[in-house]
């Protein structure tokens, strides 16, 4: 996996928590941040999906049409 170096500013309390978890779990801080962002992005994906489902102007594709487009056989 390719990585990039970032320079970020965090509240001191988050930094303290991260230092504590890093030491106790013997994990690099970058790994903790990466894992936390992965989980948060999963949460944001869910929120975005809920928002799109609630939007009456958003185009929705029926499940059967989705699977048909993939060429998959749908079993009910």
PDB file of N, CA and C in Angstrom:
ATOM      1  N   UNK A   1       0.843  -1.172   0.000  1.00  0.00           N
ATOM      2  CA  UNK A   1       0.000   0.000   0.000  1.00  0.00           C
ATOM      3  C   UNK A   1       0.891   1.239   0.000  1.00  0.00           C
ATOM      4  N   UNK A   2       0.585   2.176  -0.862  1.00  0.00           N
ATOM      5  CA  UNK A   2       1.312   3.444  -0.879  1.00  0.00           C
ATOM      6  C   UNK A   2       0.862   4.302   0.293  1.00  0.00           C
ATOM      7  N   UNK A   3       1.772   5.070   0.817  1.00  0.00           N
ATOM      8  CA  UNK A   3       1.442   5.951   1.938  1.00  0.00           C
ATOM      9  C   UNK A   3       1.855   7.372   1.612  1.00  0.00           C
ATOM     10  N   UNK A   4       1.259   8.313   2.317  1.00  0.00           N
ATOM     11  CA  UNK A   4       1.617   9.724   2.211  1.00  0.00           C
ATOM     12  C   UNK A   4       1.864  10.248   3.614  1.00  0.00           C
ATOM     13  N   UNK A   5       2.721  11.212   3.705  1.00  0.00           N
ATOM     14  CA  UNK A   5       3.015  11.835   4.995  1.00  0.00           C
ATOM     15  C   UNK A   5       2.131  13.076   5.117  1.00  0.00           C
ATOM     16  N   UNK A   6       1.455  13.182   6.267  1.00  0.00           N
ATOM     17  CA  UNK A   6       0.588  14.323   6.532  1.00  0.00           C
ATOM     18  C   UNK A   6       1.059  15.052   7.781  1.00  0.00           C
ATOM     19  N   UNK A   7       0.846  16.344   7.798  1.00  0.00           N
ATOM     20  CA  UNK A   7       1.108  17.153   8.979  1.00  0.00           C
ATOM     21  C   UNK A   7      -0.253  17.653   9.450  1.00  0.00           C
ATOM     22  N   UNK A   8      -0.717  17.162  10.600  1.00  0.00           N
ATOM     23  CA  UNK A   8      -2.049  17.525  11.089  1.00  0.00           C
ATOM     24  C   UNK A   8      -1.953  18.162  12.467  1.00  0.00           C
ATOM     25  N   UNK A   9      -2.989  18.875  12.811  1.00  0.00           N
ATOM     26  CA  UNK A   9      -3.111  19.475  14.138  1.00  0.00           C
ATOM     27  C   UNK A   9      -4.310  18.836  14.828  1.00  0.00           C
ATOM     28  N   UNK A  10      -4.092  18.366  16.054  1.00  0.00           N
ATOM     29  CA  UNK A  10      -5.147  17.718  16.830  1.00  0.00           C
ATOM     30  C   UNK A  10      -5.292  18.400  18.174  1.00  0.00           C
ATOM     31  N   UNK A  11      -6.487  18.331  18.747  1.00  0.00           N
ATOM     32  CA  UNK A  11      -6.628  18.786  20.128  1.00  0.00           C
ATOM     33  C   UNK A  11      -5.715  17.963  21.038  1.00  0.00           C
ATOM     34  N   UNK A  12      -5.212  18.583  22.063  1.00  0.00           N
ATOM     35  CA  UNK A  12      -4.292  17.915  22.970  1.00  0.00           C
ATOM     36  C   UNK A  12      -4.899  16.654  23.580  1.00  0.00           C
ATOM     37  N   UNK A  13      -6.191  16.688  23.873  1.00  0.00           N
ATOM     38  CA  UNK A  13      -6.845  15.521  24.478  1.00  0.00           C
ATOM     39  C   UNK A  13      -6.812  14.311  23.541  1.00  0.00           C
ATOM     40  N   UNK A  14      -7.007  14.536  22.240  1.00  0.00           N
ATOM     41  CA  UNK A  14      -6.927  13.427  21.288  1.00  0.00           C
ATOM     42  C   UNK A  14      -5.507  12.893  21.195  1.00  0.00           C
ATOM     43  N   UNK A  15      -4.553  13.790  21.222  1.00  0.00           N
ATOM     44  CA  UNK A  15      -3.160  13.368  21.180  1.00  0.00           C
ATOM     45  C   UNK A  15      -2.810  12.538  22.413  1.00  0.00           C
ATOM     46  N   UNK A  16      -3.301  12.968  23.571  1.00  0.00           N
ATOM     47  CA  UNK A  16      -3.064  12.210  24.806  1.00  0.00           C
ATOM     48  C   UNK A  16      -3.670  10.813  24.708  1.00  0.00           C
ATOM     49  N   UNK A  17      -4.909  10.733  24.221  1.00  0.00           N
ATOM     50  CA  UNK A  17      -5.565   9.432  24.042  1.00  0.00           C
ATOM     51  C   UNK A  17      -4.776   8.559  23.075  1.00  0.00           C
ATOM     52  N   UNK A  18      -4.363   9.145  21.974  1.00  0.00           N
ATOM     53  CA  UNK A  18      -3.633   8.385  20.970  1.00  0.00           C
ATOM     54  C   UNK A  18      -2.305   7.867  21.530  1.00  0.00           C
ATOM     55  N   UNK A  19      -1.611   8.692  22.285  1.00  0.00           N
ATOM     56  CA  UNK A  19      -0.362   8.250  22.902  1.00  0.00           C
ATOM     57  C   UNK A  19      -0.591   7.093  23.865  1.00  0.00           C
ATOM     58  N   UNK A  20      -1.652   7.191  24.642  1.00  0.00           N
ATOM     59  CA  UNK A  20      -1.976   6.146  25.613  1.00  0.00           C
ATOM     60  C   UNK A  20      -2.313   4.833  24.914  1.00  0.00           C
ATOM     61  N   UNK A  21      -3.181   4.900  23.897  1.00  0.00           N
ATOM     62  CA  UNK A  21      -3.552   3.688  23.165  1.00  0.00           C
ATOM     63  C   UNK A  21      -2.359   3.107  22.410  1.00  0.00           C
ATOM     64  N   UNK A  22      -1.568   3.963  21.832  1.00  0.00           N
ATOM     65  CA  UNK A  22      -0.399   3.517  21.088  1.00  0.00           C
ATOM     66  C   UNK A  22       0.553   2.733  21.989  1.00  0.00           C
ATOM     67  N   UNK A  23       0.790   3.263  23.155  1.00  0.00           N
ATOM     68  CA  UNK A  23       1.693   2.601  24.098  1.00  0.00           C
ATOM     69  C   UNK A  23       1.094   1.289  24.601  1.00  0.00           C
ATOM     70  N   UNK A  24      -0.167   1.335  25.017  1.00  0.00           N
ATOM     71  CA  UNK A  24      -0.784   0.147  25.607  1.00  0.00           C
ATOM     72  C   UNK A  24      -0.974  -0.976  24.588  1.00  0.00           C
ATOM     73  N   UNK A  25      -1.316  -0.615  23.355  1.00  0.00           N
ATOM     74  CA  UNK A  25      -1.557  -1.623  22.320  1.00  0.00           C
ATOM     75  C   UNK A  25      -0.314  -1.951  21.501  1.00  0.00           C
ATOM     76  N   UNK A  26       0.770  -1.203  21.768  1.00  0.00           N
ATOM     77  CA  UNK A  26       2.012  -1.371  21.019  1.00  0.00           C
ATOM     78  C   UNK A  26       1.768  -1.205  19.516  1.00  0.00           C
ATOM     79  N   UNK A  27       1.007  -0.179  19.175  1.00  0.00           N
ATOM     80  CA  UNK A  27       0.678   0.155  17.784  1.00  0.00           C
ATOM     81  C   UNK A  27       1.256   1.524  17.455  1.00  0.00           C
ATOM     82  N   UNK A  28       1.639   1.688  16.202  1.00  0.00           N
ATOM     83  CA  UNK A  28       2.087   3.009  15.767  1.00  0.00           C
ATOM     84  C   UNK A  28       0.886   3.946  15.732  1.00  0.00           C
ATOM     85  N   UNK A  29       1.152   5.200  16.023  1.00  0.00           N
ATOM     86  CA  UNK A  29       0.063   6.194  15.993  1.00  0.00           C
ATOM     87  C   UNK A  29      -0.545   6.288  14.600  1.00  0.00           C
ATOM     88  N   UNK A  30       0.274   6.168  13.580  1.00  0.00           N
ATOM     89  CA  UNK A  30      -0.244   6.242  12.213  1.00  0.00           C
ATOM     90  C   UNK A  30      -1.230   5.107  11.940  1.00  0.00           C
ATOM     91  N   UNK A  31      -0.980   3.935  12.512  1.00  0.00           N
ATOM     92  CA  UNK A  31      -1.901   2.809  12.341  1.00  0.00           C
ATOM     93  C   UNK A  31      -3.221   3.075  13.053  1.00  0.00           C
ATOM     94  N   UNK A  32      -3.152   3.648  14.240  1.00  0.00           N
ATOM     95  CA  UNK A  32      -4.366   3.984  14.989  1.00  0.00           C
ATOM     96  C   UNK A  32      -5.189   5.010  14.229  1.00  0.00           C
ATOM     97  N   UNK A  33      -4.539   6.034  13.708  1.00  0.00           N
ATOM     98  CA  UNK A  33      -5.251   7.070  12.945  1.00  0.00           C
ATOM     99  C   UNK A  33      -5.861   6.476  11.684  1.00  0.00           C
ATOM    100  N   UNK A  34      -5.099   5.658  10.970  1.00  0.00           N
ATOM    101  CA  UNK A  34      -5.598   5.039   9.744  1.00  0.00           C
ATOM    102  C   UNK A  34      -6.811   4.155  10.019  1.00  0.00           C
ATOM    103  N   UNK A  35      -6.734   3.350  11.080  1.00  0.00           N
ATOM    104  CA  UNK A  35      -7.857   2.483  11.444  1.00  0.00           C
ATOM    105  C   UNK A  35      -9.084   3.296  11.838  1.00  0.00           C
ATOM    106  N   UNK A  36      -8.861   4.354  12.598  1.00  0.00           N
ATOM    107  CA  UNK A  36      -9.977   5.205  13.028  1.00  0.00           C
ATOM    108  C   UNK A  36     -10.640   5.872  11.822  1.00  0.00           C
ATOM    109  N   UNK A  37      -9.839   6.340  10.878  1.00  0.00           N
ATOM    110  CA  UNK A  37     -10.410   6.971   9.681  1.00  0.00           C
ATOM    111  C   UNK A  37     -11.165   5.955   8.836  1.00  0.00           C
ATOM    112  N   UNK A  38     -10.637   4.740   8.704  1.00  0.00           N
ATOM    113  CA  UNK A  38     -11.357   3.693   7.965  1.00  0.00           C
ATOM    114  C   UNK A  38     -12.744   3.463   8.567  1.00  0.00           C
ATOM    115  N   UNK A  39     -12.797   3.342   9.890  1.00  0.00           N
ATOM    116  CA  UNK A  39     -14.090   3.129  10.556  1.00  0.00           C
ATOM    117  C   UNK A  39     -15.015   4.329  10.366  1.00  0.00           C
ATOM    118  N   UNK A  40     -14.460   5.528  10.466  1.00  0.00           N
ATOM    119  CA  UNK A  40     -15.275   6.728  10.325  1.00  0.00           C
ATOM    120  C   UNK A  40     -15.789   6.866   8.897  1.00  0.00           C
ATOM    121  N   UNK A  41     -14.968   6.525   7.908  1.00  0.00           N
ATOM    122  CA  UNK A  41     -15.425   6.598   6.519  1.00  0.00           C
ATOM    123  C   UNK A  41     -16.525   5.582   6.253  1.00  0.00           C
ATOM    124  N   UNK A  42     -16.468   4.411   6.889  1.00  0.00           N
ATOM    125  CA  UNK A  42     -17.567   3.446   6.777  1.00  0.00           C
ATOM    126  C   UNK A  42     -18.853   4.057   7.328  1.00  0.00           C
ATOM    127  N   UNK A  43     -18.743   4.741   8.456  1.00  0.00           N
ATOM    128  CA  UNK A  43     -19.890   5.416   9.060  1.00  0.00           C
ATOM    129  C   UNK A  43     -20.431   6.495   8.114  1.00  0.00           C
ATOM    130  N   UNK A  44     -19.532   7.280   7.514  1.00  0.00           N
ATOM    131  CA  UNK A  44     -19.969   8.319   6.581  1.00  0.00           C
ATOM    132  C   UNK A  44     -20.630   7.735   5.345  1.00  0.00           C
ATOM    133  N   UNK A  45     -20.136   6.585   4.856  1.00  0.00           N
ATOM    134  CA  UNK A  45     -20.780   5.905   3.731  1.00  0.00           C
ATOM    135  C   UNK A  45     -22.223   5.558   4.063  1.00  0.00           C
ATOM    136  N   UNK A  46     -22.446   5.061   5.271  1.00  0.00           N
ATOM    137  CA  UNK A  46     -23.791   4.723   5.706  1.00  0.00           C
ATOM    138  C   UNK A  46     -24.672   5.971   5.767  1.00  0.00           C
ATOM    139  N   UNK A  47     -24.142   7.051   6.359  1.00  0.00           N
ATOM    140  CA  UNK A  47     -24.918   8.300   6.450  1.00  0.00           C
ATOM    141  C   UNK A  47     -25.252   8.829   5.063  1.00  0.00           C
ATOM    142  N   UNK A  48     -24.315   8.747   4.131  1.00  0.00           N
ATOM    143  CA  UNK A  48     -24.555   9.213   2.769  1.00  0.00           C
ATOM    144  C   UNK A  48     -25.610   8.357   2.080  1.00  0.00           C
ATOM    145  N   UNK A  49     -25.554   7.050   2.281  1.00  0.00           N
ATOM    146  CA  UNK A  49     -26.566   6.162   1.697  1.00  0.00           C
ATOM    147  C   UNK A  49     -27.948   6.483   2.252  1.00  0.00           C
ATOM    148  N   UNK A  50     -28.043   6.721   3.563  1.00  0.00           N
ATOM    149  CA  UNK A  50     -29.329   7.086   4.169  1.00  0.00           C
ATOM    150  C   UNK A  50     -29.839   8.403   3.609  1.00  0.00           C
ATOM    151  N   UNK A  51     -28.955   9.354   3.423  1.00  0.00           N
ATOM    152  CA  UNK A  51     -29.336  10.653   2.861  1.00  0.00           C
ATOM    153  C   UNK A  51     -29.865  10.489   1.442  1.00  0.00           C
ATOM    154  N   UNK A  52     -29.168   9.677   0.650  1.00  0.00           N
ATOM    155  CA  UNK A  52     -29.598   9.463  -0.736  1.00  0.00           C
ATOM    156  C   UNK A  52     -30.937   8.738  -0.796  1.00  0.00           C
ATOM    157  N   UNK A  53     -31.152   7.776   0.104  1.00  0.00           N
ATOM    158  CA  UNK A  53     -32.434   7.070   0.116  1.00  0.00           C
ATOM    159  C   UNK A  53     -33.582   7.997   0.486  1.00  0.00           C
ATOM    160  N   UNK A  54     -33.316   8.964   1.339  1.00  0.00           N
ATOM    161  CA  UNK A  54     -34.352   9.891   1.771  1.00  0.00           C
ATOM    162  C   UNK A  54     -34.631  10.977   0.734  1.00  0.00           C
ATOM    163  N   UNK A  55     -33.702  11.197  -0.192  1.00  0.00           N
ATOM    164  CA  UNK A  55     -33.834  12.245  -1.205  1.00  0.00           C
ATOM    165  C   UNK A  55     -34.740  11.756  -2.329  1.00  0.00           C
ATOM    166  N   UNK A  56     -35.909  12.364  -2.450  1.00  0.00           N
ATOM    167  CA  UNK A  56     -36.882  11.949  -3.475  1.00  0.00           C
ATOM    168  C   UNK A  56     -36.386  12.245  -4.887  1.00  0.00           C
ATOM    169  N   UNK A  57     -35.427  13.159  -5.042  1.00  0.00           N
ATOM    170  CA  UNK A  57     -34.894  13.504  -6.360  1.00  0.00           C
ATOM    171  C   UNK A  57     -33.740  12.599  -6.781  1.00  0.00           C
ATOM    172  N   UNK A  58     -33.241  11.791  -5.845  1.00  0.00           N
ATOM    173  CA  UNK A  58     -32.128  10.886  -6.139  1.00  0.00           C
ATOM    174  C   UNK A  58     -32.646   9.684  -6.924  1.00  0.00           C
ATOM    175  N   UNK A  59     -31.937   9.329  -7.983  1.00  0.00           N
ATOM    176  CA  UNK A  59     -32.337   8.182  -8.795  1.00  0.00           C
ATOM    177  C   UNK A  59     -31.998   6.895  -8.049  1.00  0.00           C
ATOM    178  N   UNK A  60     -32.993   6.008  -7.925  1.00  0.00           N
ATOM    179  CA  UNK A  60     -32.797   4.722  -7.270  1.00  0.00           C
ATOM    180  C   UNK A  60     -32.921   3.619  -8.313  1.00  0.00           C
ATOM    181  N   UNK A  61     -32.096   2.604  -8.182  1.00  0.00           N
ATOM    182  CA  UNK A  61     -32.138   1.463  -9.088  1.00  0.00           C
ATOM    183  C   UNK A  61     -32.736   0.284  -8.328  1.00  0.00           C
ATOM    184  N   UNK A  62     -33.848  -0.270  -8.824  1.00  0.00           N
ATOM    185  CA  UNK A  62     -34.426  -1.443  -8.161  1.00  0.00           C
ATOM    186  C   UNK A  62     -33.415  -2.598  -8.110  1.00  0.00           C
ATOM    187  N   UNK A  63     -33.477  -3.383  -7.034  1.00  0.00           N
ATOM    188  CA  UNK A  63     -32.516  -4.460  -6.816  1.00  0.00           C
ATOM    189  C   UNK A  63     -32.479  -5.437  -7.989  1.00  0.00           C
ATOM    190  N   UNK A  64     -33.634  -5.817  -8.503  1.00  0.00           N
ATOM    191  CA  UNK A  64     -33.676  -6.762  -9.625  1.00  0.00           C
ATOM    192  C   UNK A  64     -32.972  -6.186 -10.848  1.00  0.00           C
ATOM    193  N   UNK A  65     -33.173  -4.885 -11.106  1.00  0.00           N
ATOM    194  CA  UNK A  65     -32.500  -4.245 -12.242  1.00  0.00           C
ATOM    195  C   UNK A  65     -30.993  -4.233 -12.047  1.00  0.00           C
ATOM    196  N   UNK A  66     -30.552  -4.015 -10.803  1.00  0.00           N
ATOM    197  CA  UNK A  66     -29.131  -4.005 -10.489  1.00  0.00           C
ATOM    198  C   UNK A  66     -28.498  -5.355 -10.812  1.00  0.00           C
ATOM    199  N   UNK A  67     -29.129  -6.435 -10.320  1.00  0.00           N
ATOM    200  CA  UNK A  67     -28.582  -7.765 -10.561  1.00  0.00           C
ATOM    201  C   UNK A  67     -28.680  -8.155 -12.032  1.00  0.00           C
ATOM    202  N   UNK A  68     -29.760  -7.743 -12.698  1.00  0.00           N
ATOM    203  CA  UNK A  68     -29.915  -8.039 -14.119  1.00  0.00           C
ATOM    204  C   UNK A  68     -28.801  -7.374 -14.917  1.00  0.00           C
ATOM    205  N   UNK A  69     -28.472  -6.143 -14.550  1.00  0.00           N
ATOM    206  CA  UNK A  69     -27.404  -5.422 -15.232  1.00  0.00           C
ATOM    207  C   UNK A  69     -26.059  -6.135 -15.051  1.00  0.00           C
ATOM    208  N   UNK A  70     -25.883  -6.777 -13.899  1.00  0.00           N
ATOM    209  CA  UNK A  70     -24.659  -7.533 -13.630  1.00  0.00           C
ATOM    210  C   UNK A  70     -24.673  -8.907 -14.301  1.00  0.00           C
ATOM    211  N   UNK A  71     -25.844  -9.292 -14.796  1.00  0.00           N
ATOM    212  CA  UNK A  71     -25.973 -10.610 -15.383  1.00  0.00           C
ATOM    213  C   UNK A  71     -26.076 -11.707 -14.357  1.00  0.00           C
ATOM    214  N   UNK A  72     -26.509 -11.344 -13.163  1.00  0.00           N
ATOM    215  CA  UNK A  72     -26.616 -12.307 -12.074  1.00  0.00           C
ATOM    216  C   UNK A  72     -28.041 -12.816 -11.970  1.00  0.00           C
ATOM    217  N   UNK A  73     -28.171 -14.072 -11.577  1.00  0.00           N
ATOM    218  CA  UNK A  73     -29.474 -14.678 -11.378  1.00  0.00           C
ATOM    219  C   UNK A  73     -29.923 -14.362  -9.951  1.00  0.00           C
ATOM    220  N   UNK A  74     -31.091 -13.741  -9.830  1.00  0.00           N
ATOM    221  CA  UNK A  74     -31.602 -13.340  -8.514  1.00  0.00           C
ATOM    222  C   UNK A  74     -32.501 -14.442  -7.972  1.00  0.00           C
ATOM    223  N   UNK A  75     -32.140 -14.934  -6.782  1.00  0.00           N
ATOM    224  CA  UNK A  75     -32.961 -15.944  -6.097  1.00  0.00           C
ATOM    225  C   UNK A  75     -33.713 -15.257  -4.976  1.00  0.00           C
ATOM    226  N   UNK A  76     -35.007 -15.416  -4.951  1.00  0.00           N
ATOM    227  CA  UNK A  76     -35.816 -14.808  -3.875  1.00  0.00           C
ATOM    228  C   UNK A  76     -36.146 -15.824  -2.840  1.00  0.00           C
TER     229      UNK A  76
END
